[in-house]
């Protein structure tokens, strides 16, 4: 049911996926800035001999980045594999229909026949436009899936580190 409501939402507002992605990106960037500020300050105050708590946090930084990158790549690959075949077949069908419609208009024997076939051509081109929107939506979904683990780590760190007292 969630997928259907998402599909309906994007049908009425094709910019919804991109807007959601932009908001999540902004939120992730703000959280990252907060985390970077906290950790940089902590590195400066720890100096050349960080204590055990600092070493644990500094080690965690590197591991989180590797984990988030791996999760992000996996999520994007998963989403791409779901949509690639579907979009490829649809694009091929639209291209074939449009080609047939063009040839049909060219083969018209009368003005009324040409007008009728031109209408079919317009409908075919409109379907191709919808396929382009599906491609845009799929791209936003792939990007969103890739951003999700990075966003989750960055915002969780911002919340966690915001509560820790500074040295």
N, C-alpha and C. Protein backbone atom coordinates (compact mmCIF):
# COMPACT_ATOMS: atom_id res chain seq x y z
N UNK A 1 0.82 -1.20 0.00
CA UNK A 1 0.00 0.00 0.00
C UNK A 1 0.86 1.27 0.00
N UNK A 2 1.99 1.20 0.71
CA UNK A 2 2.88 2.38 0.77
C UNK A 2 3.41 2.73 -0.61
N UNK A 3 3.73 1.70 -1.42
CA UNK A 3 4.24 1.96 -2.76
C UNK A 3 3.18 2.63 -3.62
N UNK A 4 1.92 2.19 -3.48
CA UNK A 4 0.84 2.77 -4.28
C UNK A 4 0.64 4.24 -3.92
N UNK A 5 0.63 4.55 -2.62
CA UNK A 5 0.45 5.96 -2.23
C UNK A 5 1.64 6.80 -2.69
N UNK A 6 2.85 6.22 -2.68
CA UNK A 6 4.02 6.93 -3.18
C UNK A 6 3.89 7.19 -4.68
N UNK A 7 3.39 6.20 -5.41
CA UNK A 7 3.20 6.35 -6.85
C UNK A 7 2.17 7.42 -7.14
N UNK A 8 1.07 7.41 -6.39
CA UNK A 8 0.03 8.43 -6.58
C UNK A 8 0.56 9.81 -6.25
N UNK A 9 1.35 9.90 -5.17
CA UNK A 9 1.91 11.19 -4.76
C UNK A 9 2.80 11.77 -5.87
N UNK A 10 3.65 10.94 -6.48
CA UNK A 10 4.54 11.45 -7.52
C UNK A 10 3.80 11.71 -8.82
N UNK A 11 2.67 11.02 -9.04
CA UNK A 11 1.89 11.29 -10.25
C UNK A 11 1.30 12.69 -10.20
N UNK A 12 0.90 13.12 -9.01
CA UNK A 12 0.31 14.45 -8.87
C UNK A 12 1.36 15.54 -8.72
N UNK A 13 2.50 15.19 -8.19
CA UNK A 13 3.57 16.16 -8.04
C UNK A 13 4.90 15.48 -8.33
N UNK A 14 5.38 15.55 -9.57
CA UNK A 14 6.61 14.83 -9.94
C UNK A 14 7.85 15.33 -9.21
N UNK A 15 7.76 16.44 -8.54
CA UNK A 15 8.92 16.98 -7.85
C UNK A 15 9.02 16.48 -6.41
N UNK A 16 8.03 15.71 -5.95
CA UNK A 16 8.00 15.25 -4.58
C UNK A 16 9.24 14.44 -4.21
N UNK A 17 9.61 13.49 -5.06
CA UNK A 17 10.79 12.67 -4.75
C UNK A 17 12.04 13.52 -4.65
N UNK A 18 12.19 14.45 -5.59
CA UNK A 18 13.39 15.29 -5.58
C UNK A 18 13.38 16.25 -4.39
N UNK A 19 12.21 16.74 -4.02
CA UNK A 19 12.11 17.63 -2.85
C UNK A 19 12.46 16.87 -1.58
N UNK A 20 11.91 15.66 -1.44
CA UNK A 20 12.25 14.84 -0.27
C UNK A 20 13.74 14.56 -0.22
N UNK A 21 14.33 14.26 -1.37
CA UNK A 21 15.76 13.99 -1.43
C UNK A 21 16.57 15.24 -1.03
N UNK A 22 16.15 16.39 -1.52
CA UNK A 22 16.85 17.64 -1.18
C UNK A 22 16.76 17.93 0.33
N UNK A 23 15.59 17.69 0.91
CA UNK A 23 15.43 17.92 2.35
C UNK A 23 16.30 16.97 3.17
N UNK A 24 16.32 15.70 2.78
CA UNK A 24 17.16 14.72 3.49
C UNK A 24 18.64 15.06 3.33
N UNK A 25 19.02 15.51 2.15
CA UNK A 25 20.41 15.90 1.92
C UNK A 25 20.78 17.09 2.80
N UNK A 26 19.91 18.08 2.86
CA UNK A 26 20.17 19.25 3.71
C UNK A 26 20.28 18.86 5.17
N UNK A 27 19.38 17.99 5.61
CA UNK A 27 19.41 17.53 7.01
C UNK A 27 20.72 16.77 7.29
N UNK A 28 21.13 15.92 6.36
CA UNK A 28 22.36 15.16 6.52
C UNK A 28 23.58 16.10 6.54
N UNK A 29 23.58 17.11 5.67
CA UNK A 29 24.69 18.05 5.65
C UNK A 29 24.79 18.86 6.95
N UNK A 30 23.65 19.26 7.48
CA UNK A 30 23.65 20.00 8.75
C UNK A 30 24.15 19.11 9.88
N UNK A 31 23.68 17.87 9.91
CA UNK A 31 24.14 16.93 10.95
C UNK A 31 25.63 16.66 10.80
N UNK A 32 26.08 16.49 9.56
CA UNK A 32 27.51 16.25 9.33
C UNK A 32 28.36 17.42 9.81
N UNK A 33 27.90 18.63 9.54
CA UNK A 33 28.65 19.82 9.99
C UNK A 33 28.76 19.84 11.51
N UNK A 34 27.67 19.49 12.18
CA UNK A 34 27.68 19.45 13.64
C UNK A 34 28.66 18.38 14.14
N UNK A 35 28.64 17.22 13.55
CA UNK A 35 29.52 16.12 13.95
C UNK A 35 30.98 16.48 13.66
N UNK A 36 31.24 17.04 12.49
CA UNK A 36 32.62 17.41 12.14
C UNK A 36 33.15 18.47 13.10
N UNK A 37 32.32 19.44 13.42
CA UNK A 37 32.73 20.48 14.38
C UNK A 37 33.07 19.86 15.73
N UNK A 38 32.20 18.98 16.20
CA UNK A 38 32.42 18.33 17.50
C UNK A 38 33.70 17.51 17.50
N UNK A 39 33.85 16.67 16.46
CA UNK A 39 35.00 15.76 16.43
C UNK A 39 36.31 16.51 16.19
N UNK A 40 36.28 17.55 15.38
CA UNK A 40 37.50 18.34 15.14
C UNK A 40 37.93 19.01 16.45
N UNK A 41 36.97 19.58 17.16
CA UNK A 41 37.29 20.20 18.45
C UNK A 41 37.85 19.18 19.42
N UNK A 42 37.29 18.00 19.37
CA UNK A 42 37.76 16.94 20.25
C UNK A 42 39.18 16.51 19.89
N UNK A 43 39.49 16.45 18.61
CA UNK A 43 40.85 16.09 18.17
C UNK A 43 41.85 17.14 18.61
N UNK A 44 41.45 18.40 18.46
CA UNK A 44 42.35 19.50 18.85
C UNK A 44 42.62 19.44 20.35
N UNK A 45 41.55 19.27 21.14
CA UNK A 45 41.75 19.26 22.59
C UNK A 45 42.45 17.99 23.06
N UNK A 46 42.33 16.88 22.32
CA UNK A 46 43.00 15.64 22.71
C UNK A 46 44.50 15.73 22.45
N UNK A 47 44.86 16.48 21.41
CA UNK A 47 46.28 16.62 21.09
C UNK A 47 46.90 15.32 20.63
N UNK A 48 48.24 15.22 20.79
CA UNK A 48 48.93 14.03 20.29
C UNK A 48 48.68 12.77 21.12
N UNK A 49 48.13 12.90 22.32
CA UNK A 49 47.88 11.71 23.15
C UNK A 49 46.42 11.65 23.59
N UNK A 50 45.54 11.18 22.70
CA UNK A 50 44.13 11.09 23.08
C UNK A 50 43.91 10.01 24.13
N UNK A 51 42.91 10.26 24.99
CA UNK A 51 42.59 9.25 26.01
C UNK A 51 41.79 8.11 25.37
N UNK A 52 41.44 7.11 26.15
CA UNK A 52 40.76 5.92 25.63
C UNK A 52 39.41 6.28 25.01
N UNK A 53 38.69 7.17 25.63
CA UNK A 53 37.38 7.59 25.11
C UNK A 53 37.52 8.27 23.75
N UNK A 54 38.53 9.13 23.63
CA UNK A 54 38.79 9.82 22.37
C UNK A 54 39.22 8.82 21.29
N UNK A 55 40.13 7.91 21.64
CA UNK A 55 40.58 6.91 20.66
C UNK A 55 39.39 6.08 20.16
N UNK A 56 38.50 5.74 21.06
CA UNK A 56 37.30 4.97 20.67
C UNK A 56 36.46 5.78 19.68
N UNK A 57 36.27 7.05 19.95
CA UNK A 57 35.47 7.92 19.07
C UNK A 57 36.16 8.11 17.72
N UNK A 58 37.47 8.30 17.73
CA UNK A 58 38.20 8.52 16.48
C UNK A 58 38.21 7.25 15.62
N UNK A 59 38.30 6.09 16.25
CA UNK A 59 38.22 4.83 15.52
C UNK A 59 36.83 4.66 14.93
N UNK A 60 35.84 5.02 15.71
CA UNK A 60 34.44 4.91 15.27
C UNK A 60 34.19 5.74 14.01
N UNK A 61 34.85 6.90 13.92
CA UNK A 61 34.67 7.78 12.76
C UNK A 61 34.97 7.05 11.47
N UNK A 62 36.11 6.40 11.43
CA UNK A 62 36.51 5.70 10.21
C UNK A 62 35.61 4.52 9.89
N UNK A 63 35.28 3.74 10.90
CA UNK A 63 34.42 2.57 10.68
C UNK A 63 33.05 2.98 10.18
N UNK A 64 32.50 4.04 10.74
CA UNK A 64 31.17 4.50 10.31
C UNK A 64 31.16 4.90 8.84
N UNK A 65 32.21 5.53 8.41
CA UNK A 65 32.27 5.96 7.00
C UNK A 65 32.31 4.75 6.07
N UNK A 66 33.10 3.76 6.42
CA UNK A 66 33.20 2.55 5.60
C UNK A 66 31.85 1.81 5.60
N UNK A 67 31.24 1.67 6.77
CA UNK A 67 29.93 1.00 6.87
C UNK A 67 28.88 1.74 6.05
N UNK A 68 28.81 3.05 6.21
CA UNK A 68 27.80 3.84 5.50
C UNK A 68 28.02 3.76 3.99
N UNK A 69 29.27 3.80 3.55
CA UNK A 69 29.55 3.72 2.11
C UNK A 69 29.13 2.36 1.56
N UNK A 70 29.42 1.30 2.30
CA UNK A 70 29.03 -0.04 1.87
C UNK A 70 27.51 -0.20 1.82
N UNK A 71 26.83 0.25 2.86
CA UNK A 71 25.37 0.19 2.89
C UNK A 71 24.77 1.01 1.76
N UNK A 72 25.34 2.16 1.52
CA UNK A 72 24.85 3.06 0.47
C UNK A 72 25.00 2.40 -0.90
N UNK A 73 26.16 1.85 -1.17
CA UNK A 73 26.40 1.19 -2.47
C UNK A 73 25.45 0.01 -2.65
N UNK A 74 25.27 -0.77 -1.60
CA UNK A 74 24.37 -1.93 -1.68
C UNK A 74 22.93 -1.48 -1.94
N UNK A 75 22.47 -0.48 -1.21
CA UNK A 75 21.09 0.00 -1.37
C UNK A 75 20.85 0.55 -2.77
N UNK A 76 21.83 1.27 -3.31
CA UNK A 76 21.68 1.82 -4.65
C UNK A 76 21.69 0.71 -5.70
N UNK A 77 22.55 -0.29 -5.53
CA UNK A 77 22.60 -1.40 -6.48
C UNK A 77 21.29 -2.18 -6.45
N UNK A 78 20.76 -2.38 -5.27
CA UNK A 78 19.48 -3.08 -5.12
C UNK A 78 18.36 -2.33 -5.83
N UNK A 79 18.28 -1.03 -5.61
CA UNK A 79 17.24 -0.22 -6.23
C UNK A 79 17.42 -0.18 -7.75
N UNK A 80 18.67 -0.06 -8.21
CA UNK A 80 18.92 0.00 -9.65
C UNK A 80 18.54 -1.32 -10.32
N UNK A 81 18.83 -2.44 -9.67
CA UNK A 81 18.49 -3.73 -10.29
C UNK A 81 16.99 -3.90 -10.40
N UNK A 82 16.25 -3.34 -9.45
CA UNK A 82 14.79 -3.41 -9.49
C UNK A 82 14.21 -2.64 -10.67
N UNK A 83 14.76 -1.49 -10.93
CA UNK A 83 14.15 -0.60 -11.92
C UNK A 83 14.78 -0.65 -13.31
N UNK A 84 16.00 -1.14 -13.41
CA UNK A 84 16.70 -1.09 -14.69
C UNK A 84 15.96 -1.86 -15.78
N UNK A 85 15.59 -3.09 -15.51
CA UNK A 85 14.92 -3.90 -16.53
C UNK A 85 13.56 -3.30 -16.89
N UNK A 86 12.83 -2.91 -15.89
CA UNK A 86 11.50 -2.33 -16.12
C UNK A 86 11.58 -1.08 -17.00
N UNK A 87 12.50 -0.19 -16.67
CA UNK A 87 12.63 1.05 -17.44
C UNK A 87 13.19 0.79 -18.83
N UNK A 88 14.10 -0.14 -18.95
CA UNK A 88 14.66 -0.47 -20.25
C UNK A 88 13.61 -1.01 -21.21
N UNK A 89 12.79 -1.93 -20.72
CA UNK A 89 11.72 -2.50 -21.55
C UNK A 89 10.73 -1.42 -21.94
N UNK A 90 10.35 -0.59 -20.98
CA UNK A 90 9.38 0.48 -21.25
C UNK A 90 9.94 1.47 -22.28
N UNK A 91 11.19 1.83 -22.14
CA UNK A 91 11.80 2.77 -23.10
C UNK A 91 11.83 2.16 -24.50
N UNK A 92 12.17 0.88 -24.58
CA UNK A 92 12.21 0.21 -25.87
C UNK A 92 10.81 0.18 -26.51
N UNK A 93 9.80 -0.14 -25.70
CA UNK A 93 8.42 -0.17 -26.21
C UNK A 93 7.99 1.20 -26.69
N UNK A 94 8.28 2.23 -25.91
CA UNK A 94 7.91 3.59 -26.31
C UNK A 94 8.61 4.01 -27.60
N UNK A 95 9.88 3.67 -27.70
CA UNK A 95 10.63 4.02 -28.89
C UNK A 95 10.05 3.30 -30.13
N UNK A 96 9.72 2.04 -29.96
CA UNK A 96 9.14 1.27 -31.08
C UNK A 96 7.78 1.83 -31.48
N UNK A 97 6.94 2.12 -30.49
CA UNK A 97 5.61 2.69 -30.78
C UNK A 97 5.72 4.03 -31.50
N UNK A 98 6.63 4.86 -31.03
CA UNK A 98 6.80 6.17 -31.64
C UNK A 98 7.30 6.03 -33.08
N UNK A 99 8.22 5.12 -33.31
CA UNK A 99 8.71 4.87 -34.67
C UNK A 99 7.61 4.39 -35.59
N UNK A 100 6.79 3.48 -35.10
CA UNK A 100 5.66 2.98 -35.89
C UNK A 100 4.68 4.11 -36.19
N UNK A 101 4.43 4.94 -35.17
CA UNK A 101 3.50 6.06 -35.36
C UNK A 101 4.03 7.05 -36.40
N UNK A 102 5.33 7.34 -36.38
CA UNK A 102 5.93 8.23 -37.38
C UNK A 102 5.76 7.65 -38.79
N UNK A 103 6.08 6.38 -38.91
CA UNK A 103 5.96 5.73 -40.22
C UNK A 103 4.51 5.70 -40.69
N UNK A 104 3.60 5.52 -39.74
CA UNK A 104 2.18 5.48 -40.07
C UNK A 104 1.70 6.83 -40.61
N UNK A 105 2.16 7.92 -39.99
CA UNK A 105 1.78 9.25 -40.47
C UNK A 105 2.34 9.45 -41.89
N UNK A 106 3.57 9.02 -42.09
CA UNK A 106 4.20 9.19 -43.40
C UNK A 106 3.48 8.37 -44.48
N UNK A 107 2.86 7.28 -44.10
CA UNK A 107 2.18 6.43 -45.07
C UNK A 107 0.71 6.76 -45.27
N UNK A 108 0.26 7.85 -44.69
CA UNK A 108 -1.16 8.23 -44.82
C UNK A 108 -1.50 8.53 -46.26
N UNK A 109 -2.74 8.17 -46.66
CA UNK A 109 -3.17 8.38 -48.04
C UNK A 109 -4.14 9.55 -48.18
N UNK A 110 -4.61 10.05 -47.03
CA UNK A 110 -5.54 11.18 -47.10
C UNK A 110 -5.31 12.08 -45.89
N UNK A 111 -5.83 13.28 -45.97
CA UNK A 111 -5.69 14.23 -44.87
C UNK A 111 -6.38 13.72 -43.60
N UNK A 112 -7.63 13.23 -43.66
CA UNK A 112 -8.25 12.72 -42.43
C UNK A 112 -7.46 11.55 -41.82
N UNK A 113 -6.92 10.70 -42.68
CA UNK A 113 -6.12 9.58 -42.19
C UNK A 113 -4.83 10.10 -41.53
N UNK A 114 -4.21 11.09 -42.13
CA UNK A 114 -2.98 11.67 -41.57
C UNK A 114 -3.26 12.32 -40.21
N UNK A 115 -4.40 13.01 -40.10
CA UNK A 115 -4.77 13.65 -38.83
C UNK A 115 -4.98 12.60 -37.74
N UNK A 116 -5.69 11.52 -38.09
CA UNK A 116 -5.94 10.45 -37.13
C UNK A 116 -4.62 9.81 -36.69
N UNK A 117 -3.74 9.57 -37.63
CA UNK A 117 -2.46 8.94 -37.31
C UNK A 117 -1.53 9.90 -36.56
N UNK A 118 -1.69 11.18 -36.84
CA UNK A 118 -0.91 12.17 -36.11
C UNK A 118 -1.33 12.19 -34.64
N UNK A 119 -2.60 11.98 -34.39
CA UNK A 119 -3.11 11.90 -33.02
C UNK A 119 -2.45 10.71 -32.30
N UNK A 120 -2.32 9.59 -32.98
CA UNK A 120 -1.65 8.43 -32.40
C UNK A 120 -0.18 8.75 -32.10
N UNK A 121 0.43 9.51 -32.98
CA UNK A 121 1.83 9.90 -32.78
C UNK A 121 1.96 10.78 -31.52
N UNK A 122 1.06 11.72 -31.37
CA UNK A 122 1.09 12.60 -30.19
C UNK A 122 0.92 11.77 -28.92
N UNK A 123 0.01 10.81 -28.94
CA UNK A 123 -0.18 9.95 -27.77
C UNK A 123 1.08 9.14 -27.47
N UNK A 124 1.73 8.67 -28.51
CA UNK A 124 2.95 7.89 -28.33
C UNK A 124 4.07 8.74 -27.73
N UNK A 125 4.19 9.97 -28.22
CA UNK A 125 5.20 10.88 -27.67
C UNK A 125 4.88 11.22 -26.22
N UNK A 126 3.59 11.37 -25.90
CA UNK A 126 3.18 11.64 -24.52
C UNK A 126 3.58 10.48 -23.61
N UNK A 127 3.40 9.25 -24.07
CA UNK A 127 3.82 8.08 -23.28
C UNK A 127 5.33 8.09 -23.06
N UNK A 128 6.07 8.51 -24.06
CA UNK A 128 7.52 8.60 -23.92
C UNK A 128 7.89 9.64 -22.86
N UNK A 129 7.14 10.72 -22.81
CA UNK A 129 7.37 11.75 -21.79
C UNK A 129 7.13 11.18 -20.40
N UNK A 130 6.08 10.37 -20.27
CA UNK A 130 5.81 9.74 -18.97
C UNK A 130 6.94 8.79 -18.59
N UNK A 131 7.51 8.11 -19.58
CA UNK A 131 8.66 7.23 -19.31
C UNK A 131 9.85 8.03 -18.82
N UNK A 132 10.03 9.22 -19.39
CA UNK A 132 11.13 10.08 -18.93
C UNK A 132 10.91 10.49 -17.47
N UNK A 133 9.66 10.74 -17.11
CA UNK A 133 9.36 11.08 -15.72
C UNK A 133 9.64 9.88 -14.82
N UNK A 134 9.30 8.69 -15.28
CA UNK A 134 9.59 7.48 -14.50
C UNK A 134 11.10 7.32 -14.30
N UNK A 135 11.86 7.65 -15.34
CA UNK A 135 13.31 7.58 -15.21
C UNK A 135 13.81 8.57 -14.16
N UNK A 136 13.26 9.77 -14.19
CA UNK A 136 13.63 10.78 -13.20
C UNK A 136 13.27 10.30 -11.79
N UNK A 137 12.07 9.73 -11.64
CA UNK A 137 11.64 9.21 -10.34
C UNK A 137 12.57 8.08 -9.88
N UNK A 138 12.91 7.19 -10.81
CA UNK A 138 13.80 6.08 -10.47
C UNK A 138 15.17 6.58 -10.04
N UNK A 139 15.67 7.60 -10.71
CA UNK A 139 16.96 8.18 -10.35
C UNK A 139 16.91 8.77 -8.94
N UNK A 140 15.81 9.45 -8.64
CA UNK A 140 15.65 10.02 -7.29
C UNK A 140 15.57 8.90 -6.25
N UNK A 141 14.89 7.82 -6.59
CA UNK A 141 14.79 6.69 -5.65
C UNK A 141 16.15 6.05 -5.41
N UNK A 142 16.92 5.85 -6.48
CA UNK A 142 18.25 5.26 -6.34
C UNK A 142 19.12 6.16 -5.46
N UNK A 143 19.09 7.45 -5.75
CA UNK A 143 19.88 8.40 -4.97
C UNK A 143 19.42 8.43 -3.52
N UNK A 144 18.11 8.42 -3.33
CA UNK A 144 17.55 8.41 -1.97
C UNK A 144 17.96 7.18 -1.19
N UNK A 145 17.95 6.03 -1.86
CA UNK A 145 18.37 4.79 -1.19
C UNK A 145 19.84 4.85 -0.81
N UNK A 146 20.65 5.48 -1.67
CA UNK A 146 22.06 5.62 -1.36
C UNK A 146 22.31 6.60 -0.23
N UNK A 147 21.49 7.62 -0.14
CA UNK A 147 21.65 8.63 0.89
C UNK A 147 21.18 8.14 2.26
N UNK A 148 20.22 7.23 2.27
CA UNK A 148 19.59 6.81 3.52
C UNK A 148 20.58 6.34 4.60
N UNK A 149 21.52 5.42 4.31
CA UNK A 149 22.44 5.01 5.37
C UNK A 149 23.37 6.13 5.83
N UNK A 150 23.80 6.97 4.92
CA UNK A 150 24.68 8.08 5.27
C UNK A 150 23.91 9.07 6.14
N UNK A 151 22.70 9.36 5.75
CA UNK A 151 21.83 10.27 6.52
C UNK A 151 21.60 9.71 7.92
N UNK A 152 21.30 8.41 7.99
CA UNK A 152 21.02 7.77 9.29
C UNK A 152 22.22 7.89 10.22
N UNK A 153 23.42 7.62 9.69
CA UNK A 153 24.62 7.70 10.54
C UNK A 153 24.90 9.14 10.96
N UNK A 154 24.81 10.06 10.01
CA UNK A 154 25.13 11.46 10.31
C UNK A 154 24.17 12.04 11.34
N UNK A 155 22.87 11.79 11.16
CA UNK A 155 21.91 12.36 12.12
C UNK A 155 22.00 11.67 13.48
N UNK A 156 22.26 10.36 13.48
CA UNK A 156 22.43 9.66 14.76
C UNK A 156 23.66 10.18 15.51
N UNK A 157 24.75 10.41 14.78
CA UNK A 157 25.95 10.97 15.40
C UNK A 157 25.70 12.37 15.94
N UNK A 158 24.99 13.18 15.17
CA UNK A 158 24.71 14.55 15.62
C UNK A 158 23.91 14.51 16.92
N UNK A 159 22.94 13.62 16.99
CA UNK A 159 22.14 13.51 18.23
C UNK A 159 23.01 13.00 19.37
N UNK A 160 23.79 11.95 19.10
CA UNK A 160 24.62 11.34 20.14
C UNK A 160 25.70 12.32 20.62
N UNK A 161 26.38 12.94 19.68
CA UNK A 161 27.49 13.83 20.08
C UNK A 161 26.99 15.15 20.65
N UNK A 162 25.79 15.54 20.29
CA UNK A 162 25.21 16.76 20.85
C UNK A 162 24.95 16.62 22.34
N UNK A 163 24.80 15.37 22.80
CA UNK A 163 24.50 15.11 24.21
C UNK A 163 25.75 14.90 25.04
N UNK A 164 26.89 14.62 24.36
CA UNK A 164 28.12 14.37 25.10
C UNK A 164 28.73 15.69 25.58
N UNK A 165 29.24 15.71 26.78
CA UNK A 165 29.90 16.95 27.25
C UNK A 165 31.24 17.11 26.57
N UNK A 166 31.59 18.34 26.28
CA UNK A 166 32.92 18.65 25.70
C UNK A 166 33.96 18.52 26.80
N UNK A 167 35.18 18.21 26.40
CA UNK A 167 36.29 18.07 27.37
C UNK A 167 36.70 19.39 27.93
